Amino acid sequence: MEPRLDYYAASPRAMKAMITLEAMTSHLSIEEPLMHLIKIRASQLNHCAFCTDMHSIDARRLGESDRRLFSISVWRSSDFFSPREKAALAWTEALTQLTGSDVSDEVYEALRAEFTEAEMVDLTMAINAISSWNRLAVSFRQKPST
């Protein structure tokens, strides 16, 4: 399938706002390797091949192992992830799959045990940002380079 349109060219002002949001989330309290894990997981859930590919490449550049990258989709049953990472991935899934349900107290309490209040807000903003990017890429059929 061909891309539907170039959203950067179609609405530069909207994209400037997205880039500003992305820049802001890149400088918050969440460590960069964890940021890539949540971006990959949200992108997988949103069926965004472009963002999954991009953030997997970025994570590998930071030294992330193939084994952990291959295991993100099964993080619950993997020993490759720390309690902090698992809490962030659970929060990512809960927020990304918000339609039709709320975020459980159990997921919130696990997050609260691993993150400060500021980090919880920062993580939530980062999840919101990647979900917005996913929706742009999926809606307008942006694909990874082959």
C-alpha atoms as a PDB file:
ATOM      1  CA  MET A   1       0.000   0.000   0.000  1.00  0.00           C
ATOM      2  CA  GLU A   2       1.157   3.476  -0.808  1.00  0.00           C
ATOM      3  CA  PRO A   3       1.162   6.259   1.785  1.00  0.00           C
ATOM      4  CA  ARG A   4      -2.044   8.278   1.659  1.00  0.00           C
ATOM      5  CA  LEU A   5      -0.434  11.668   2.177  1.00  0.00           C
ATOM      6  CA  ASP A   6       2.549  13.485   3.617  1.00  0.00           C
ATOM      7  CA  TYR A   7       1.167  14.812   6.884  1.00  0.00           C
ATOM      8  CA  TYR A   8       4.193  17.062   7.404  1.00  0.00           C
ATOM      9  CA  ALA A   9       3.445  18.882   4.143  1.00  0.00           C
ATOM     10  CA  ALA A  10      -0.329  18.802   4.615  1.00  0.00           C
ATOM     11  CA  SER A  11      -0.320  20.566   7.992  1.00  0.00           C
ATOM     12  CA  PRO A  12       3.019  22.016   9.080  1.00  0.00           C
ATOM     13  CA  ARG A  13       1.441  23.739  12.097  1.00  0.00           C
ATOM     14  CA  ALA A  14      -0.040  20.515  13.436  1.00  0.00           C
ATOM     15  CA  MET A  15       3.247  18.721  12.925  1.00  0.00           C
ATOM     16  CA  LYS A  16       5.122  21.518  14.676  1.00  0.00           C
ATOM     17  CA  ALA A  17       2.892  20.883  17.697  1.00  0.00           C
ATOM     18  CA  MET A  18       3.635  17.135  17.529  1.00  0.00           C
ATOM     19  CA  ILE A  19       7.370  17.763  17.249  1.00  0.00           C
ATOM     20  CA  THR A  20       7.200  20.108  20.240  1.00  0.00           C
ATOM     21  CA  LEU A  21       5.378  17.437  22.270  1.00  0.00           C
ATOM     22  CA  GLU A  22       7.944  14.824  21.228  1.00  0.00           C
ATOM     23  CA  ALA A  23      10.829  17.108  22.140  1.00  0.00           C
ATOM     24  CA  MET A  24       9.272  17.761  25.536  1.00  0.00           C
ATOM     25  CA  THR A  25       8.774  14.060  26.296  1.00  0.00           C
ATOM     26  CA  SER A  26      12.349  13.290  25.253  1.00  0.00           C
ATOM     27  CA  HIS A  27      13.672  15.473  28.071  1.00  0.00           C
ATOM     28  CA  LEU A  28      11.562  14.257  30.954  1.00  0.00           C
ATOM     29  CA  SER A  29      12.479  12.033  33.888  1.00  0.00           C
ATOM     30  CA  ILE A  30      12.087   8.663  32.148  1.00  0.00           C
ATOM     31  CA  GLU A  31      15.357   7.007  31.180  1.00  0.00           C
ATOM     32  CA  GLU A  32      15.890   6.709  27.423  1.00  0.00           C
ATOM     33  CA  PRO A  33      16.124   2.883  27.219  1.00  0.00           C
ATOM     34  CA  LEU A  34      12.785   2.562  29.046  1.00  0.00           C
ATOM     35  CA  MET A  35      11.284   5.245  26.831  1.00  0.00           C
ATOM     36  CA  HIS A  36      12.073   3.101  23.779  1.00  0.00           C
ATOM     37  CA  LEU A  37      10.511   0.014  25.383  1.00  0.00           C
ATOM     38  CA  ILE A  38       7.225   1.793  25.984  1.00  0.00           C
ATOM     39  CA  LYS A  39       7.277   3.331  22.507  1.00  0.00           C
ATOM     40  CA  ILE A  40       7.823  -0.084  20.943  1.00  0.00           C
ATOM     41  CA  ARG A  41       5.063  -1.711  23.004  1.00  0.00           C
ATOM     42  CA  ALA A  42       2.519   1.029  22.301  1.00  0.00           C
ATOM     43  CA  SER A  43       3.418   0.898  18.608  1.00  0.00           C
ATOM     44  CA  GLN A  44       2.949  -2.879  18.548  1.00  0.00           C
ATOM     45  CA  LEU A  45      -0.481  -2.535  20.153  1.00  0.00           C
ATOM     46  CA  ASN A  46      -1.440   0.215  17.709  1.00  0.00           C
ATOM     47  CA  HIS A  47      -0.220  -1.877  14.743  1.00  0.00           C
ATOM     48  CA  CYS A  48       2.250   0.801  13.731  1.00  0.00           C
ATOM     49  CA  ALA A  49       5.028  -0.913  11.793  1.00  0.00           C
ATOM     50  CA  PHE A  50       6.789   2.381  11.105  1.00  0.00           C
ATOM     51  CA  CYS A  51       7.174   3.373  14.777  1.00  0.00           C
ATOM     52  CA  THR A  52       7.894  -0.191  15.948  1.00  0.00           C
ATOM     53  CA  ASP A  53      10.736  -0.384  13.438  1.00  0.00           C
ATOM     54  CA  MET A  54      12.099   3.081  14.204  1.00  0.00           C
ATOM     55  CA  HIS A  55      12.150   2.657  17.987  1.00  0.00           C
ATOM     56  CA  SER A  56      13.586  -0.856  17.769  1.00  0.00           C
ATOM     57  CA  ILE A  57      16.470   0.506  15.703  1.00  0.00           C
ATOM     58  CA  ASP A  58      16.943   3.369  18.169  1.00  0.00           C
ATOM     59  CA  ALA A  59      16.882   0.974  21.134  1.00  0.00           C
ATOM     60  CA  ARG A  60      19.522  -1.252  19.533  1.00  0.00           C
ATOM     61  CA  ARG A  61      21.721   1.810  18.959  1.00  0.00           C
ATOM     62  CA  LEU A  62      21.528   2.420  22.714  1.00  0.00           C
ATOM     63  CA  GLY A  63      22.694  -1.144  23.335  1.00  0.00           C
ATOM     64  CA  GLU A  64      19.355  -2.881  23.843  1.00  0.00           C
ATOM     65  CA  SER A  65      19.665  -6.633  23.292  1.00  0.00           C
ATOM     66  CA  ASP A  66      17.828  -8.516  20.575  1.00  0.00           C
ATOM     67  CA  ARG A  67      16.506 -10.952  23.174  1.00  0.00           C
ATOM     68  CA  ARG A  68      14.766  -8.174  25.108  1.00  0.00           C
ATOM     69  CA  LEU A  69      13.456  -6.552  21.938  1.00  0.00           C
ATOM     70  CA  PHE A  70      12.041  -9.872  20.734  1.00  0.00           C
ATOM     71  CA  SER A  71      10.409 -10.383  24.136  1.00  0.00           C
ATOM     72  CA  ILE A  72       8.610  -7.069  24.529  1.00  0.00           C
ATOM     73  CA  SER A  73       5.304  -8.517  23.331  1.00  0.00           C
ATOM     74  CA  VAL A  74       5.535 -11.251  26.001  1.00  0.00           C
ATOM     75  CA  TRP A  75       7.055  -9.131  28.760  1.00  0.00           C
ATOM     76  CA  ARG A  76       4.714 -10.509  31.446  1.00  0.00           C
ATOM     77  CA  SER A  77       6.164 -13.999  31.146  1.00  0.00           C
ATOM     78  CA  SER A  78       9.758 -12.902  30.543  1.00  0.00           C
ATOM     79  CA  ASP A  79      12.519 -12.596  33.105  1.00  0.00           C
ATOM     80  CA  PHE A  80      14.324 -10.061  30.902  1.00  0.00           C
ATOM     81  CA  PHE A  81      12.495  -7.048  32.371  1.00  0.00           C
ATOM     82  CA  SER A  82      12.843  -5.395  35.759  1.00  0.00           C
ATOM     83  CA  PRO A  83       9.848  -4.653  38.010  1.00  0.00           C
ATOM     84  CA  ARG A  84      10.138  -0.974  36.976  1.00  0.00           C
ATOM     85  CA  GLU A  85      10.078  -1.884  33.285  1.00  0.00           C
ATOM     86  CA  LYS A  86       7.164  -4.270  33.801  1.00  0.00           C
ATOM     87  CA  ALA A  87       5.189  -1.581  35.631  1.00  0.00           C
ATOM     88  CA  ALA A  88       5.833   0.840  32.756  1.00  0.00           C
ATOM     89  CA  LEU A  89       4.851  -1.734  30.137  1.00  0.00           C
ATOM     90  CA  ALA A  90       1.644  -2.579  32.028  1.00  0.00           C
ATOM     91  CA  TRP A  91       0.821   1.143  32.249  1.00  0.00           C
ATOM     92  CA  THR A  92       1.563   1.494  28.527  1.00  0.00           C
ATOM     93  CA  GLU A  93      -0.820  -1.324  27.673  1.00  0.00           C
ATOM     94  CA  ALA A  94      -3.546  -0.013  29.974  1.00  0.00           C
ATOM     95  CA  LEU A  95      -3.412   3.488  28.462  1.00  0.00           C
ATOM     96  CA  THR A  96      -3.027   2.300  24.881  1.00  0.00           C
ATOM     97  CA  GLN A  97      -5.993  -0.065  25.173  1.00  0.00           C
ATOM     98  CA  LEU A  98      -8.137   2.393  27.127  1.00  0.00           C
ATOM     99  CA  THR A  99     -11.250   2.034  24.976  1.00  0.00           C
ATOM    100  CA  GLY A 100     -13.962   0.131  26.790  1.00  0.00           C
ATOM    101  CA  SER A 101     -12.195  -0.095  30.133  1.00  0.00           C
ATOM    102  CA  ASP A 102     -10.461   1.908  32.796  1.00  0.00           C
ATOM    103  CA  VAL A 103      -6.980   1.569  34.213  1.00  0.00           C
ATOM    104  CA  SER A 104      -7.108  -0.957  37.038  1.00  0.00           C
ATOM    105  CA  ASP A 105      -6.042  -0.160  40.575  1.00  0.00           C
ATOM    106  CA  GLU A 106      -3.597  -3.080  40.380  1.00  0.00           C
ATOM    107  CA  VAL A 107      -1.774  -1.583  37.372  1.00  0.00           C
ATOM    108  CA  TYR A 108      -1.760   1.854  39.006  1.00  0.00           C
ATOM    109  CA  GLU A 109      -0.393   0.521  42.303  1.00  0.00           C
ATOM    110  CA  ALA A 110       2.378  -1.392  40.499  1.00  0.00           C
ATOM    111  CA  LEU A 111       3.314   1.818  38.695  1.00  0.00           C
ATOM    112  CA  ARG A 112       3.224   3.821  41.919  1.00  0.00           C
ATOM    113  CA  ALA A 113       5.564   1.337  43.580  1.00  0.00           C
ATOM    114  CA  GLU A 114       8.246   1.939  40.924  1.00  0.00           C
ATOM    115  CA  PHE A 115       7.810   5.577  39.860  1.00  0.00           C
ATOM    116  CA  THR A 116       7.554   8.973  41.523  1.00  0.00           C
ATOM    117  CA  GLU A 117       4.455  11.061  40.874  1.00  0.00           C
ATOM    118  CA  ALA A 118       6.378  13.238  38.409  1.00  0.00           C
ATOM    119  CA  GLU A 119       7.669  10.154  36.607  1.00  0.00           C
ATOM    120  CA  MET A 120       4.123   8.761  36.384  1.00  0.00           C
ATOM    121  CA  VAL A 121       2.957  11.944  34.677  1.00  0.00           C
ATOM    122  CA  ASP A 122       6.037  11.996  32.420  1.00  0.00           C
ATOM    123  CA  LEU A 123       5.517   8.373  31.426  1.00  0.00           C
ATOM    124  CA  THR A 124       1.848   9.044  30.700  1.00  0.00           C
ATOM    125  CA  MET A 125       2.757  11.996  28.475  1.00  0.00           C
ATOM    126  CA  ALA A 126       5.297   9.868  26.590  1.00  0.00           C
ATOM    127  CA  ILE A 127       2.667   7.157  26.031  1.00  0.00           C
ATOM    128  CA  ASN A 128       0.221   9.789  24.796  1.00  0.00           C
ATOM    129  CA  ALA A 129       2.838  11.171  22.401  1.00  0.00           C
ATOM    130  CA  ILE A 130       3.767   7.817  20.853  1.00  0.00           C
ATOM    131  CA  SER A 131       0.095   6.895  20.521  1.00  0.00           C
ATOM    132  CA  SER A 132      -0.483  10.139  18.602  1.00  0.00           C
ATOM    133  CA  TRP A 133       2.466   9.378  16.314  1.00  0.00           C
ATOM    134  CA  ASN A 134       1.109   5.860  15.813  1.00  0.00           C
ATOM    135  CA  ARG A 135      -2.286   7.205  14.799  1.00  0.00           C
ATOM    136  CA  LEU A 136      -0.721   9.541  12.253  1.00  0.00           C
ATOM    137  CA  ALA A 137       1.485   6.835  10.747  1.00  0.00           C
ATOM    138  CA  VAL A 138      -1.233   4.164  10.646  1.00  0.00           C
ATOM    139  CA  SER A 139      -3.977   6.480   9.342  1.00  0.00           C
ATOM    140  CA  PHE A 140      -1.851   7.787   6.509  1.00  0.00           C
ATOM    141  CA  ARG A 141      -0.057   4.480   5.866  1.00  0.00           C
ATOM    142  CA  GLN A 142       3.506   5.486   6.628  1.00  0.00           C
ATOM    143  CA  LYS A 143       5.710   2.403   6.310  1.00  0.00           C
ATOM    144  CA  PRO A 144       9.274   1.659   7.378  1.00  0.00           C
ATOM    145  CA  SER A 145      11.977   1.782   4.709  1.00  0.00           C
ATOM    146  CA  THR A 146      12.981  -1.602   3.398  1.00  0.00           C
END
